[in-house]
Amino acid sequence: MSLSRSLGKLRGGGRHWMRGVALLLAVAGAATALAACEYSDDVGDTTAAPTRTRRAAPPPPSPAGPELAMAETRNLHDLGAVLGARPDGIVLEGAGGLGGAGVRKAVKALPKGTYTVTAACVGAPTGNISITQDGLRDGGKLELALDCGKATQAQVDLAAGPVYAQAYRRTTGPGAGEVAGFWMVPATPGS
């Protein structure tokens, strides 16, 4: 269809075409009028950076008192005696205070296999350790309850990949000097 025929059809249906143009002009005029309005919340400097309200930052954690530091140091020393002689071939280990989130350690990749975990805690009645391969298909998992003051051993079968370990206590909050430690070695055949 040619341009002149299309324009001819538009002229032939003049009323409908005129109504459409009138409606378009009315909407454009209303938009222009609204854009010129001033509202009480936007009278500031339009070139200024937008202001943002922020929540006050939480206070920094209070520093551990000297008594807590001394108790933790003493318990870490005692932990070494509870865990026993350090074996060869450790692939993952950790030790520290059980306050807050506890002790967290990870290794990016371990070969598939069976591993022996030795763990202990000192300064609390009980503790826990978790060895996981979160998000890894067929990943291994071990949850151990610890009686503080003695070493606990268990074996875990792990898939090839990352391994996460966390020693913790069931309550949250600041610690009282309690500590935990663990190490993981490849299991010896026949054990």
C-alpha atoms as a PDB file:
ATOM      1  CA  MET A   1       0.000   0.000   0.000  1.00  0.00           C
ATOM      2  CA  SER A   2       1.390   3.409  -0.939  1.00  0.00           C
ATOM      3  CA  LEU A   3       1.871   6.296   1.449  1.00  0.00           C
ATOM      4  CA  SER A   4      -0.657   8.474  -0.359  1.00  0.00           C
ATOM      5  CA  ARG A   5      -3.348   5.748  -0.069  1.00  0.00           C
ATOM      6  CA  SER A   6      -2.630   5.359   3.682  1.00  0.00           C
ATOM      7  CA  LEU A   7      -2.945   9.111   4.217  1.00  0.00           C
ATOM      8  CA  GLY A   8      -6.128   9.127   2.184  1.00  0.00           C
ATOM      9  CA  LYS A   9      -7.647   6.473   4.456  1.00  0.00           C
ATOM     10  CA  LEU A  10      -6.678   8.519   7.511  1.00  0.00           C
ATOM     11  CA  ARG A  11      -8.332  11.630   6.012  1.00  0.00           C
ATOM     12  CA  GLY A  12     -11.387   9.619   5.112  1.00  0.00           C
ATOM     13  CA  GLY A  13     -11.852   8.521   8.712  1.00  0.00           C
ATOM     14  CA  GLY A  14     -11.247  12.059   9.894  1.00  0.00           C
ATOM     15  CA  ARG A  15     -13.320  11.985  13.058  1.00  0.00           C
ATOM     16  CA  HIS A  16     -11.580   8.938  14.522  1.00  0.00           C
ATOM     17  CA  TRP A  17      -8.208  10.284  13.582  1.00  0.00           C
ATOM     18  CA  MET A  18      -8.962  13.688  15.084  1.00  0.00           C
ATOM     19  CA  ARG A  19     -10.184  12.121  18.317  1.00  0.00           C
ATOM     20  CA  GLY A  20      -6.941  10.134  18.617  1.00  0.00           C
ATOM     21  CA  VAL A  21      -4.826  13.233  18.063  1.00  0.00           C
ATOM     22  CA  ALA A  22      -6.917  15.205  20.578  1.00  0.00           C
ATOM     23  CA  LEU A  23      -6.535  12.459  23.183  1.00  0.00           C
ATOM     24  CA  LEU A  24      -2.784  12.326  22.593  1.00  0.00           C
ATOM     25  CA  LEU A  25      -2.487  16.101  23.002  1.00  0.00           C
ATOM     26  CA  ALA A  26      -4.577  16.045  26.196  1.00  0.00           C
ATOM     27  CA  VAL A  27      -2.377  13.332  27.759  1.00  0.00           C
ATOM     28  CA  ALA A  28       0.813  15.175  26.768  1.00  0.00           C
ATOM     29  CA  GLY A  29      -0.541  18.428  28.244  1.00  0.00           C
ATOM     30  CA  ALA A  30      -1.486  16.738  31.528  1.00  0.00           C
ATOM     31  CA  ALA A  31       1.952  15.145  31.804  1.00  0.00           C
ATOM     32  CA  THR A  32       3.609  18.514  31.189  1.00  0.00           C
ATOM     33  CA  ALA A  33       1.425  20.186  33.814  1.00  0.00           C
ATOM     34  CA  LEU A  34       2.221  17.501  36.397  1.00  0.00           C
ATOM     35  CA  ALA A  35       5.939  17.714  35.665  1.00  0.00           C
ATOM     36  CA  ALA A  36       5.882  21.426  36.443  1.00  0.00           C
ATOM     37  CA  CYS A  37       4.308  20.886  39.876  1.00  0.00           C
ATOM     38  CA  GLU A  38       6.458  21.299  42.974  1.00  0.00           C
ATOM     39  CA  TYR A  39       6.045  18.958  45.906  1.00  0.00           C
ATOM     40  CA  SER A  40       7.131  19.701  49.450  1.00  0.00           C
ATOM     41  CA  ASP A  41       9.462  16.714  49.590  1.00  0.00           C
ATOM     42  CA  ASP A  42      11.460  17.554  46.472  1.00  0.00           C
ATOM     43  CA  VAL A  43      12.341  21.220  46.942  1.00  0.00           C
ATOM     44  CA  GLY A  44      15.976  20.541  47.847  1.00  0.00           C
ATOM     45  CA  ASP A  45      18.957  20.903  45.606  1.00  0.00           C
ATOM     46  CA  THR A  46      18.329  18.577  42.685  1.00  0.00           C
ATOM     47  CA  THR A  47      22.043  18.327  41.943  1.00  0.00           C
ATOM     48  CA  ALA A  48      22.947  17.160  45.457  1.00  0.00           C
ATOM     49  CA  ALA A  49      23.652  13.507  46.095  1.00  0.00           C
ATOM     50  CA  PRO A  50      20.668  11.651  47.531  1.00  0.00           C
ATOM     51  CA  THR A  51      20.681  11.372  51.297  1.00  0.00           C
ATOM     52  CA  ARG A  52      20.447   7.978  52.875  1.00  0.00           C
ATOM     53  CA  THR A  53      19.477   7.134  56.369  1.00  0.00           C
ATOM     54  CA  ARG A  54      21.660   4.537  57.970  1.00  0.00           C
ATOM     55  CA  ARG A  55      21.216   2.415  60.989  1.00  0.00           C
ATOM     56  CA  ALA A  56      23.907   3.048  63.562  1.00  0.00           C
ATOM     57  CA  ALA A  57      26.748   0.552  63.379  1.00  0.00           C
ATOM     58  CA  PRO A  58      26.718  -2.012  66.162  1.00  0.00           C
ATOM     59  CA  PRO A  59      29.259  -1.371  68.867  1.00  0.00           C
ATOM     60  CA  PRO A  60      32.492  -3.313  68.535  1.00  0.00           C
ATOM     61  CA  PRO A  61      32.657  -6.470  70.610  1.00  0.00           C
ATOM     62  CA  SER A  62      33.999  -5.834  74.039  1.00  0.00           C
ATOM     63  CA  PRO A  63      37.574  -6.974  74.366  1.00  0.00           C
ATOM     64  CA  ALA A  64      38.192 -10.174  76.231  1.00  0.00           C
ATOM     65  CA  GLY A  65      39.203  -9.502  79.781  1.00  0.00           C
ATOM     66  CA  PRO A  66      42.562 -10.688  81.048  1.00  0.00           C
ATOM     67  CA  GLU A  67      40.870 -13.425  83.091  1.00  0.00           C
ATOM     68  CA  LEU A  68      39.188 -14.854  79.991  1.00  0.00           C
ATOM     69  CA  ALA A  69      42.417 -14.708  77.993  1.00  0.00           C
ATOM     70  CA  MET A  70      44.298 -16.454  80.800  1.00  0.00           C
ATOM     71  CA  ALA A  71      41.618 -19.166  81.110  1.00  0.00           C
ATOM     72  CA  GLU A  72      41.674 -19.767  77.351  1.00  0.00           C
ATOM     73  CA  THR A  73      45.477 -19.944  77.279  1.00  0.00           C
ATOM     74  CA  ARG A  74      45.500 -22.388  80.211  1.00  0.00           C
ATOM     75  CA  ASN A  75      42.790 -24.526  78.577  1.00  0.00           C
ATOM     76  CA  LEU A  76      44.606 -24.558  75.213  1.00  0.00           C
ATOM     77  CA  HIS A  77      47.717 -25.826  77.006  1.00  0.00           C
ATOM     78  CA  ASP A  78      45.650 -28.545  78.716  1.00  0.00           C
ATOM     79  CA  LEU A  79      43.978 -29.397  75.384  1.00  0.00           C
ATOM     80  CA  GLY A  80      47.324 -30.490  73.956  1.00  0.00           C
ATOM     81  CA  ALA A  81      47.696 -33.064  76.724  1.00  0.00           C
ATOM     82  CA  VAL A  82      44.110 -34.320  76.212  1.00  0.00           C
ATOM     83  CA  LEU A  83      44.494 -34.701  72.425  1.00  0.00           C
ATOM     84  CA  GLY A  84      47.794 -36.541  72.814  1.00  0.00           C
ATOM     85  CA  ALA A  85      50.750 -36.776  70.481  1.00  0.00           C
ATOM     86  CA  ARG A  86      50.290 -34.996  67.175  1.00  0.00           C
ATOM     87  CA  PRO A  87      50.165 -37.571  64.358  1.00  0.00           C
ATOM     88  CA  ASP A  88      51.839 -37.330  60.955  1.00  0.00           C
ATOM     89  CA  GLY A  89      49.759 -36.665  57.851  1.00  0.00           C
ATOM     90  CA  ILE A  90      47.240 -34.171  59.264  1.00  0.00           C
ATOM     91  CA  VAL A  91      44.999 -32.888  56.459  1.00  0.00           C
ATOM     92  CA  LEU A  92      42.762 -30.574  58.538  1.00  0.00           C
ATOM     93  CA  GLU A  93      43.115 -29.229  62.058  1.00  0.00           C
ATOM     94  CA  GLY A  94      41.978 -26.442  64.314  1.00  0.00           C
ATOM     95  CA  ALA A  95      41.953 -25.261  67.917  1.00  0.00           C
ATOM     96  CA  GLY A  96      40.525 -22.263  69.708  1.00  0.00           C
ATOM     97  CA  GLY A  97      37.884 -20.803  71.952  1.00  0.00           C
ATOM     98  CA  LEU A  98      34.323 -22.062  71.866  1.00  0.00           C
ATOM     99  CA  GLY A  99      32.693 -18.675  72.503  1.00  0.00           C
ATOM    100  CA  GLY A 100      30.420 -17.343  69.760  1.00  0.00           C
ATOM    101  CA  ALA A 101      30.616 -19.497  66.623  1.00  0.00           C
ATOM    102  CA  GLY A 102      33.429 -21.708  67.918  1.00  0.00           C
ATOM    103  CA  VAL A 103      36.342 -22.942  65.828  1.00  0.00           C
ATOM    104  CA  ARG A 104      35.851 -23.086  62.053  1.00  0.00           C
ATOM    105  CA  LYS A 105      38.313 -24.540  59.567  1.00  0.00           C
ATOM    106  CA  ALA A 106      38.124 -25.722  55.976  1.00  0.00           C
ATOM    107  CA  VAL A 107      40.207 -27.330  53.288  1.00  0.00           C
ATOM    108  CA  LYS A 108      39.473 -26.701  49.605  1.00  0.00           C
ATOM    109  CA  ALA A 109      39.973 -30.251  48.394  1.00  0.00           C
ATOM    110  CA  LEU A 110      40.667 -33.642  49.879  1.00  0.00           C
ATOM    111  CA  PRO A 111      40.827 -36.917  47.994  1.00  0.00           C
ATOM    112  CA  LYS A 112      37.996 -39.386  48.425  1.00  0.00           C
ATOM    113  CA  GLY A 113      38.598 -41.703  51.338  1.00  0.00           C
ATOM    114  CA  THR A 114      38.100 -42.592  54.973  1.00  0.00           C
ATOM    115  CA  TYR A 115      39.537 -40.219  57.562  1.00  0.00           C
ATOM    116  CA  THR A 116      40.033 -40.453  61.322  1.00  0.00           C
ATOM    117  CA  VAL A 117      38.967 -37.422  63.341  1.00  0.00           C
ATOM    118  CA  THR A 118      40.345 -36.880  66.849  1.00  0.00           C
ATOM    119  CA  ALA A 119      38.709 -34.103  68.888  1.00  0.00           C
ATOM    120  CA  ALA A 120      38.579 -32.853  72.458  1.00  0.00           C
ATOM    121  CA  CYS A 121      37.406 -29.905  74.534  1.00  0.00           C
ATOM    122  CA  VAL A 122      38.514 -28.403  77.848  1.00  0.00           C
ATOM    123  CA  GLY A 123      36.826 -25.957  80.213  1.00  0.00           C
ATOM    124  CA  ALA A 124      33.191 -26.917  79.587  1.00  0.00           C
ATOM    125  CA  PRO A 125      31.149 -30.030  80.332  1.00  0.00           C
ATOM    126  CA  THR A 126      30.512 -30.814  76.658  1.00  0.00           C
ATOM    127  CA  GLY A 127      31.227 -29.650  73.140  1.00  0.00           C
ATOM    128  CA  ASN A 128      30.479 -30.704  69.580  1.00  0.00           C
ATOM    129  CA  ILE A 129      32.307 -31.073  66.309  1.00  0.00           C
ATOM    130  CA  SER A 130      30.832 -31.243  62.849  1.00  0.00           C
ATOM    131  CA  ILE A 131      32.671 -32.374  59.698  1.00  0.00           C
ATOM    132  CA  THR A 132      30.649 -31.685  56.541  1.00  0.00           C
ATOM    133  CA  GLN A 133      30.813 -31.430  52.781  1.00  0.00           C
ATOM    134  CA  ASP A 134      27.843 -29.109  52.318  1.00  0.00           C
ATOM    135  CA  GLY A 135      26.486 -28.916  48.801  1.00  0.00           C
ATOM    136  CA  LEU A 136      28.630 -31.790  47.572  1.00  0.00           C
ATOM    137  CA  ARG A 137      26.715 -34.699  46.097  1.00  0.00           C
ATOM    138  CA  ASP A 138      27.442 -37.830  48.124  1.00  0.00           C
ATOM    139  CA  GLY A 139      29.493 -35.693  50.532  1.00  0.00           C
ATOM    140  CA  GLY A 140      30.319 -37.095  53.931  1.00  0.00           C
ATOM    141  CA  LYS A 141      29.143 -35.871  57.302  1.00  0.00           C
ATOM    142  CA  LEU A 142      30.157 -36.526  60.894  1.00  0.00           C
ATOM    143  CA  GLU A 143      28.600 -35.092  64.057  1.00  0.00           C
ATOM    144  CA  LEU A 144      30.401 -35.837  67.318  1.00  0.00           C
ATOM    145  CA  ALA A 145      29.372 -35.002  70.874  1.00  0.00           C
ATOM    146  CA  LEU A 146      32.429 -34.428  73.036  1.00  0.00           C
ATOM    147  CA  ASP A 147      32.857 -35.066  76.755  1.00  0.00           C
ATOM    148  CA  CYS A 148      35.321 -32.365  77.687  1.00  0.00           C
ATOM    149  CA  GLY A 149      38.509 -33.572  79.277  1.00  0.00           C
ATOM    150  CA  LYS A 150      38.920 -36.644  77.098  1.00  0.00           C
ATOM    151  CA  ALA A 151      39.689 -37.257  73.428  1.00  0.00           C
ATOM    152  CA  THR A 152      37.071 -38.696  71.113  1.00  0.00           C
ATOM    153  CA  GLN A 153      37.877 -40.472  67.839  1.00  0.00           C
ATOM    154  CA  ALA A 154      35.632 -41.370  64.913  1.00  0.00           C
ATOM    155  CA  GLN A 155      35.932 -42.133  61.231  1.00  0.00           C
ATOM    156  CA  VAL A 156      34.194 -40.403  58.365  1.00  0.00           C
ATOM    157  CA  ASP A 157      33.938 -41.335  54.684  1.00  0.00           C
ATOM    158  CA  LEU A 158      34.415 -38.292  52.487  1.00  0.00           C
ATOM    159  CA  ALA A 159      33.901 -37.659  48.794  1.00  0.00           C
ATOM    160  CA  ALA A 160      36.617 -35.830  46.861  1.00  0.00           C
ATOM    161  CA  GLY A 161      36.233 -32.091  47.388  1.00  0.00           C
ATOM    162  CA  PRO A 162      36.030 -29.389  50.039  1.00  0.00           C
ATOM    163  CA  VAL A 163      35.605 -30.228  53.716  1.00  0.00           C
ATOM    164  CA  TYR A 164      34.341 -27.950  56.483  1.00  0.00           C
ATOM    165  CA  ALA A 165      34.880 -28.463  60.213  1.00  0.00           C
ATOM    166  CA  GLN A 166      33.389 -26.626  63.161  1.00  0.00           C
ATOM    167  CA  ALA A 167      33.911 -27.233  66.871  1.00  0.00           C
ATOM    168  CA  TYR A 168      31.250 -25.507  68.954  1.00  0.00           C
ATOM    169  CA  ARG A 169      29.127 -25.629  72.073  1.00  0.00           C
ATOM    170  CA  ARG A 170      25.345 -25.757  72.060  1.00  0.00           C
ATOM    171  CA  THR A 171      24.946 -22.302  73.576  1.00  0.00           C
ATOM    172  CA  THR A 172      25.847 -19.045  71.901  1.00  0.00           C
ATOM    173  CA  GLY A 173      27.363 -15.937  73.332  1.00  0.00           C
ATOM    174  CA  PRO A 174      30.689 -15.068  74.824  1.00  0.00           C
ATOM    175  CA  GLY A 175      32.785 -17.903  76.073  1.00  0.00           C
ATOM    176  CA  ALA A 176      34.215 -18.482  79.498  1.00  0.00           C
ATOM    177  CA  GLY A 177      37.603 -19.732  78.354  1.00  0.00           C
ATOM    178  CA  GLU A 178      36.428 -23.126  77.076  1.00  0.00           C
ATOM    179  CA  VAL A 179      38.354 -24.447  74.083  1.00  0.00           C
ATOM    180  CA  ALA A 180      38.245 -27.281  71.585  1.00  0.00           C
ATOM    181  CA  GLY A 181      40.627 -28.748  69.086  1.00  0.00           C
ATOM    182  CA  PHE A 182      40.689 -31.446  66.450  1.00  0.00           C
ATOM    183  CA  TRP A 183      42.741 -32.978  63.698  1.00  0.00           C
ATOM    184  CA  MET A 184      41.915 -35.239  60.803  1.00  0.00           C
ATOM    185  CA  VAL A 185      44.233 -37.787  59.159  1.00  0.00           C
ATOM    186  CA  PRO A 186      43.719 -40.438  56.499  1.00  0.00           C
ATOM    187  CA  ALA A 187      42.554 -43.640  58.215  1.00  0.00           C
ATOM    188  CA  THR A 188      45.064 -46.434  58.338  1.00  0.00           C
ATOM    189  CA  PRO A 189      43.991 -49.559  56.462  1.00  0.00           C
ATOM    190  CA  GLY A 190      42.173 -52.016  58.685  1.00  0.00           C
ATOM    191  CA  SER A 191      41.296 -49.465  61.365  1.00  0.00           C
END
